[in-house]
N, C-alpha and C. Protein backbone atom coordinates (compact mmCIF):
# COMPACT_ATOMS: atom_id res chain seq x y z
N MET A 1 -36.23 21.75 -72.56
CA MET A 1 -37.09 22.04 -73.61
C MET A 1 -36.41 23.20 -74.28
N LYS A 2 -36.51 23.02 -75.77
CA LYS A 2 -35.93 24.05 -76.52
C LYS A 2 -37.02 25.21 -76.60
N ASN A 3 -38.24 24.97 -76.89
CA ASN A 3 -39.17 25.97 -77.13
C ASN A 3 -40.12 25.94 -75.85
N ILE A 4 -40.20 27.00 -75.07
CA ILE A 4 -41.05 26.95 -74.07
C ILE A 4 -42.48 27.08 -74.34
N ASP A 5 -42.84 27.66 -75.53
CA ASP A 5 -44.14 27.77 -75.92
C ASP A 5 -44.76 26.44 -76.60
N ASN A 6 -43.92 25.49 -76.66
CA ASN A 6 -44.37 24.26 -77.36
C ASN A 6 -44.12 23.09 -76.26
N ILE A 7 -45.24 22.71 -75.66
CA ILE A 7 -45.28 21.78 -74.55
C ILE A 7 -44.92 20.28 -74.94
N LEU A 8 -45.18 20.06 -76.24
CA LEU A 8 -44.87 18.68 -76.80
C LEU A 8 -43.69 18.67 -77.43
N SER A 9 -42.81 19.65 -77.50
CA SER A 9 -41.59 19.63 -78.15
C SER A 9 -40.57 18.75 -77.48
N ASN A 10 -39.52 17.99 -78.07
CA ASN A 10 -38.59 17.24 -77.47
C ASN A 10 -37.34 17.41 -78.21
N GLU A 11 -36.25 16.66 -77.74
CA GLU A 11 -35.02 16.62 -78.38
C GLU A 11 -34.91 16.00 -79.78
N GLU A 12 -35.79 15.13 -80.09
CA GLU A 12 -35.99 14.46 -81.35
C GLU A 12 -36.38 15.38 -82.46
N GLY A 13 -36.85 16.47 -82.12
CA GLY A 13 -37.28 17.42 -83.15
C GLY A 13 -38.68 17.25 -83.55
N PHE A 14 -39.53 16.47 -82.82
CA PHE A 14 -40.89 16.33 -83.08
C PHE A 14 -41.76 17.41 -82.37
N GLU A 15 -42.56 18.07 -83.10
CA GLU A 15 -43.25 19.12 -82.68
C GLU A 15 -44.79 18.54 -82.29
N ASP A 16 -45.68 19.37 -81.67
CA ASP A 16 -46.89 18.92 -81.53
C ASP A 16 -47.75 18.74 -82.74
N GLU A 17 -47.35 19.42 -83.80
CA GLU A 17 -48.08 19.20 -85.13
C GLU A 17 -47.78 17.89 -85.67
N ASP A 18 -46.45 17.34 -85.57
CA ASP A 18 -46.11 16.12 -85.88
C ASP A 18 -46.91 15.05 -85.20
N LEU A 19 -47.03 15.22 -83.95
CA LEU A 19 -47.75 14.07 -83.12
C LEU A 19 -49.15 14.03 -83.58
N LEU A 20 -49.76 15.19 -83.85
CA LEU A 20 -51.13 15.39 -84.18
C LEU A 20 -51.35 14.77 -85.63
N LYS A 21 -50.37 15.02 -86.44
CA LYS A 21 -50.29 14.47 -87.96
C LYS A 21 -50.25 12.85 -87.82
N TYR A 22 -49.38 12.39 -86.82
CA TYR A 22 -49.35 11.05 -86.70
C TYR A 22 -50.63 10.24 -86.24
N LEU A 23 -51.22 11.06 -85.38
CA LEU A 23 -52.62 10.46 -84.92
C LEU A 23 -53.60 10.48 -86.07
N ASN A 24 -53.58 11.55 -86.84
CA ASN A 24 -54.56 11.70 -87.95
C ASN A 24 -53.96 10.86 -89.26
N GLN A 25 -52.80 10.34 -89.18
CA GLN A 25 -52.11 9.63 -90.21
C GLN A 25 -52.06 10.51 -91.41
N ASN A 26 -51.43 11.66 -91.34
CA ASN A 26 -51.22 12.47 -92.29
C ASN A 26 -49.79 12.74 -92.57
N LEU A 27 -48.83 11.85 -92.13
CA LEU A 27 -47.38 12.04 -92.36
C LEU A 27 -46.94 11.33 -93.70
N SER A 28 -45.77 11.78 -94.09
CA SER A 28 -45.22 10.88 -95.34
C SER A 28 -44.85 9.56 -94.90
N PRO A 29 -44.52 8.60 -95.81
CA PRO A 29 -44.19 7.24 -95.44
C PRO A 29 -43.05 7.06 -94.59
N GLU A 30 -42.13 7.89 -94.53
CA GLU A 30 -40.92 7.73 -93.66
C GLU A 30 -41.15 8.34 -92.28
N GLU A 31 -41.85 9.32 -92.15
CA GLU A 31 -42.07 10.00 -90.83
C GLU A 31 -42.77 9.10 -89.70
N PRO A 32 -43.70 8.40 -89.96
CA PRO A 32 -44.22 7.51 -89.03
C PRO A 32 -43.19 6.50 -88.44
N HIS A 33 -42.28 6.02 -89.25
CA HIS A 33 -41.30 5.08 -88.76
C HIS A 33 -40.51 5.78 -87.78
N GLU A 34 -39.94 7.02 -88.14
CA GLU A 34 -39.12 7.77 -87.39
C GLU A 34 -39.73 8.04 -86.05
N LEU A 35 -41.06 8.39 -86.04
CA LEU A 35 -41.81 8.78 -84.80
C LEU A 35 -41.96 7.54 -83.86
N GLU A 36 -42.20 6.37 -84.51
CA GLU A 36 -42.47 5.10 -83.77
C GLU A 36 -40.98 4.68 -83.18
N LYS A 37 -40.04 4.92 -83.92
CA LYS A 37 -38.70 4.75 -83.24
C LYS A 37 -38.52 5.61 -82.18
N ALA A 38 -38.67 6.78 -82.28
CA ALA A 38 -38.64 7.65 -81.00
C ALA A 38 -39.50 7.39 -79.96
N MET A 39 -40.63 6.89 -80.24
CA MET A 39 -41.45 6.42 -79.04
C MET A 39 -40.94 5.27 -78.30
N LEU A 40 -40.22 4.37 -79.11
CA LEU A 40 -39.62 3.26 -78.24
C LEU A 40 -38.43 3.73 -77.51
N GLN A 41 -37.77 4.85 -77.83
CA GLN A 41 -36.55 5.39 -77.09
C GLN A 41 -36.92 6.30 -76.02
N ASP A 42 -38.07 7.07 -76.34
CA ASP A 42 -38.37 8.16 -75.33
C ASP A 42 -39.77 7.99 -74.88
N THR A 43 -39.81 7.60 -73.50
CA THR A 43 -41.13 7.39 -72.94
C THR A 43 -41.97 8.62 -73.05
N PHE A 44 -41.44 9.77 -72.97
CA PHE A 44 -42.28 11.02 -73.00
C PHE A 44 -43.23 10.98 -74.37
N VAL A 45 -42.47 10.73 -75.43
CA VAL A 45 -43.16 10.79 -76.68
C VAL A 45 -44.24 9.68 -76.81
N ASN A 46 -43.89 8.52 -76.34
CA ASN A 46 -44.90 7.35 -76.16
C ASN A 46 -46.04 7.81 -75.38
N ASP A 47 -45.84 8.41 -74.14
CA ASP A 47 -46.94 8.91 -73.33
C ASP A 47 -47.73 9.91 -73.99
N ALA A 48 -47.06 10.89 -74.61
CA ALA A 48 -47.86 11.92 -75.42
C ALA A 48 -48.74 11.29 -76.44
N ILE A 49 -48.25 10.40 -77.13
CA ILE A 49 -49.10 9.72 -78.26
C ILE A 49 -50.25 8.99 -77.52
N GLU A 50 -49.99 8.28 -76.56
CA GLU A 50 -51.10 7.54 -75.84
C GLU A 50 -52.06 8.44 -75.30
N GLY A 51 -51.63 9.64 -74.72
CA GLY A 51 -52.54 10.60 -73.99
C GLY A 51 -53.40 11.38 -75.13
N LEU A 52 -52.78 11.62 -76.20
CA LEU A 52 -53.42 12.46 -77.16
C LEU A 52 -54.43 11.43 -77.94
N SER A 53 -54.12 10.11 -77.99
CA SER A 53 -55.06 9.14 -78.67
C SER A 53 -56.29 8.95 -77.84
N GLU A 54 -56.19 9.10 -76.49
CA GLU A 54 -57.35 8.95 -75.67
C GLU A 54 -58.56 10.10 -75.74
N ILE A 55 -58.06 11.15 -76.43
CA ILE A 55 -58.90 12.23 -76.58
C ILE A 55 -59.80 11.96 -77.80
N LYS A 56 -61.08 11.88 -77.52
CA LYS A 56 -62.03 11.59 -78.60
C LYS A 56 -62.22 12.90 -79.57
N ASP A 57 -62.43 13.92 -79.07
CA ASP A 57 -62.75 15.18 -80.02
C ASP A 57 -61.32 15.75 -80.33
N LYS A 58 -61.01 15.75 -81.53
CA LYS A 58 -59.71 16.20 -82.05
C LYS A 58 -59.62 17.69 -81.80
N GLU A 59 -60.65 18.52 -81.81
CA GLU A 59 -60.64 19.94 -81.57
C GLU A 59 -60.27 20.24 -80.16
N GLN A 60 -60.76 19.23 -79.19
CA GLN A 60 -60.31 19.51 -77.78
C GLN A 60 -58.83 19.35 -77.53
N ILE A 61 -58.16 18.59 -78.56
CA ILE A 61 -56.74 18.47 -78.35
C ILE A 61 -55.92 19.79 -78.35
N ASN A 62 -56.29 20.54 -79.57
CA ASN A 62 -55.65 21.77 -79.63
C ASN A 62 -56.04 22.83 -78.29
N LYS A 63 -57.24 22.71 -77.94
CA LYS A 63 -57.45 23.55 -76.72
C LYS A 63 -56.80 23.12 -75.66
N SER A 64 -56.62 21.77 -75.36
CA SER A 64 -55.84 21.32 -74.28
C SER A 64 -54.37 21.69 -74.32
N ILE A 65 -53.89 21.65 -75.53
CA ILE A 65 -52.51 21.89 -75.78
C ILE A 65 -52.21 23.50 -75.36
N ASP A 66 -53.13 24.22 -75.91
CA ASP A 66 -53.00 25.72 -75.63
C ASP A 66 -53.08 25.99 -74.16
N GLN A 67 -54.08 25.31 -73.50
CA GLN A 67 -54.31 25.49 -72.02
C GLN A 67 -53.20 25.10 -71.22
N LEU A 68 -52.44 23.94 -71.65
CA LEU A 68 -51.32 23.49 -71.03
C LEU A 68 -50.16 24.50 -71.18
N ASN A 69 -49.91 24.77 -72.49
CA ASN A 69 -48.84 25.93 -72.77
C ASN A 69 -48.98 27.20 -71.87
N ASN A 70 -50.30 27.77 -71.88
CA ASN A 70 -50.48 28.88 -71.08
C ASN A 70 -50.20 28.64 -69.61
N HIS A 71 -50.65 27.59 -69.08
CA HIS A 71 -50.37 27.35 -67.60
C HIS A 71 -49.05 27.09 -67.30
N LEU A 72 -48.31 26.48 -68.21
CA LEU A 72 -46.82 26.35 -68.08
C LEU A 72 -46.09 27.57 -68.02
N GLY A 73 -46.49 28.40 -69.03
CA GLY A 73 -45.86 29.68 -69.10
C GLY A 73 -46.13 30.51 -67.94
N LYS A 74 -47.31 30.58 -67.37
CA LYS A 74 -47.69 31.27 -66.14
C LYS A 74 -46.92 30.79 -64.90
N MET A 75 -46.77 29.56 -64.79
CA MET A 75 -46.11 28.90 -63.74
C MET A 75 -44.58 29.24 -63.77
N ILE A 76 -43.94 29.33 -64.97
CA ILE A 76 -42.62 29.55 -65.03
C ILE A 76 -42.45 31.08 -64.74
N LYS A 77 -43.29 31.88 -65.24
CA LYS A 77 -43.24 33.35 -64.91
C LYS A 77 -43.35 33.64 -63.48
N ASP A 78 -44.20 33.00 -62.72
CA ASP A 78 -44.48 33.17 -61.43
C ASP A 78 -43.32 32.78 -60.62
N ARG A 79 -42.60 31.58 -61.02
CA ARG A 79 -41.50 31.31 -60.20
C ARG A 79 -40.28 32.07 -60.44
N THR A 80 -40.06 32.59 -61.62
CA THR A 80 -39.03 33.53 -61.81
C THR A 80 -39.17 34.74 -61.11
N GLU A 81 -40.44 35.29 -61.08
CA GLU A 81 -40.72 36.64 -60.33
C GLU A 81 -40.47 36.31 -58.91
N LYS A 82 -40.90 35.16 -58.15
CA LYS A 82 -40.58 34.94 -56.87
C LYS A 82 -39.19 34.89 -56.58
N LYS A 83 -38.35 34.21 -57.43
CA LYS A 83 -36.94 34.15 -57.19
C LYS A 83 -36.24 35.51 -57.40
N ARG A 84 -36.80 36.29 -58.30
CA ARG A 84 -36.18 37.72 -58.27
C ARG A 84 -36.52 38.61 -57.18
N LYS A 85 -37.70 38.35 -56.44
CA LYS A 85 -38.24 39.20 -55.40
C LYS A 85 -37.36 38.65 -54.21
N ARG A 86 -36.94 37.34 -54.14
CA ARG A 86 -36.30 36.83 -53.05
C ARG A 86 -34.80 37.33 -53.02
N LYS A 87 -34.29 37.66 -53.95
CA LYS A 87 -32.89 38.09 -54.11
C LYS A 87 -32.71 39.41 -53.52
N ILE A 88 -31.65 39.47 -52.70
CA ILE A 88 -31.31 40.77 -52.00
C ILE A 88 -30.32 41.52 -53.03
N PRO A 89 -30.58 42.69 -53.31
CA PRO A 89 -29.54 43.39 -54.21
C PRO A 89 -28.25 43.43 -53.47
N SER A 90 -27.25 43.56 -54.23
CA SER A 90 -25.82 43.39 -53.85
C SER A 90 -25.55 44.69 -52.81
N ASN A 91 -26.12 45.77 -53.17
CA ASN A 91 -25.95 46.91 -52.33
C ASN A 91 -26.35 46.67 -50.81
N GLN A 92 -27.44 46.08 -50.70
CA GLN A 92 -27.77 45.60 -49.29
C GLN A 92 -26.91 44.93 -48.55
N TRP A 93 -26.31 43.90 -49.19
CA TRP A 93 -25.21 43.18 -48.68
C TRP A 93 -24.04 44.00 -48.11
N THR A 94 -23.75 44.91 -49.07
CA THR A 94 -22.60 45.77 -48.75
C THR A 94 -22.95 46.70 -47.51
N VAL A 95 -24.10 47.27 -47.43
CA VAL A 95 -24.57 48.09 -46.38
C VAL A 95 -24.59 47.30 -45.11
N THR A 96 -25.14 46.10 -45.21
CA THR A 96 -25.24 45.17 -44.06
C THR A 96 -23.82 44.79 -43.42
N ALA A 97 -22.91 44.63 -44.34
CA ALA A 97 -21.43 44.24 -43.89
C ALA A 97 -20.96 45.37 -43.29
N ILE A 98 -21.13 46.71 -43.85
CA ILE A 98 -20.41 47.85 -43.14
C ILE A 98 -21.22 48.24 -41.85
N ALA A 99 -22.47 48.01 -41.79
CA ALA A 99 -23.13 48.18 -40.54
C ALA A 99 -22.76 47.19 -39.41
N ILE A 100 -22.53 45.97 -39.73
CA ILE A 100 -21.94 44.90 -38.69
C ILE A 100 -20.53 45.31 -38.40
N THR A 101 -19.68 45.66 -39.32
CA THR A 101 -18.28 46.04 -39.02
C THR A 101 -18.30 47.22 -38.07
N LEU A 102 -19.03 48.33 -38.28
CA LEU A 102 -19.10 49.45 -37.51
C LEU A 102 -19.73 49.28 -36.09
N SER A 103 -20.71 48.37 -36.02
CA SER A 103 -21.16 47.96 -34.69
C SER A 103 -20.10 47.15 -33.89
N LEU A 104 -19.35 46.37 -34.50
CA LEU A 104 -18.34 45.69 -33.79
C LEU A 104 -17.20 46.52 -33.35
N VAL A 105 -16.88 47.56 -34.16
CA VAL A 105 -15.75 48.57 -33.91
C VAL A 105 -16.25 49.46 -32.68
N VAL A 106 -17.45 49.80 -32.67
CA VAL A 106 -18.00 50.65 -31.57
C VAL A 106 -18.12 49.78 -30.30
N LEU A 107 -18.53 48.59 -30.35
CA LEU A 107 -18.65 47.58 -29.22
C LEU A 107 -17.23 47.36 -28.63
N GLY A 108 -16.23 47.26 -29.59
CA GLY A 108 -14.95 46.89 -29.28
C GLY A 108 -14.25 47.98 -28.47
């Protein structure tokens, strides 16, 4: 994903606004054709359009998108923090290696 804050973005360059305009039929004459072509090639775009068309209340769409973006951002932030906490700083590895070496020398 190019833009982490945009859950509906994809490689074709279609943003969530384009998909919502497509559903509301507010695109220029060429744009629906390009989007439908992308729907045939990319199942994610097709699934996104189908899912968005299932929602009856159009205001609910924006709330759902914002909620998904916030949830995705939180999940990514939590995962990166967990990975950062699991890493052992390089100084600890050095200290551990020296301690092991010294203990082997003393035992030998």
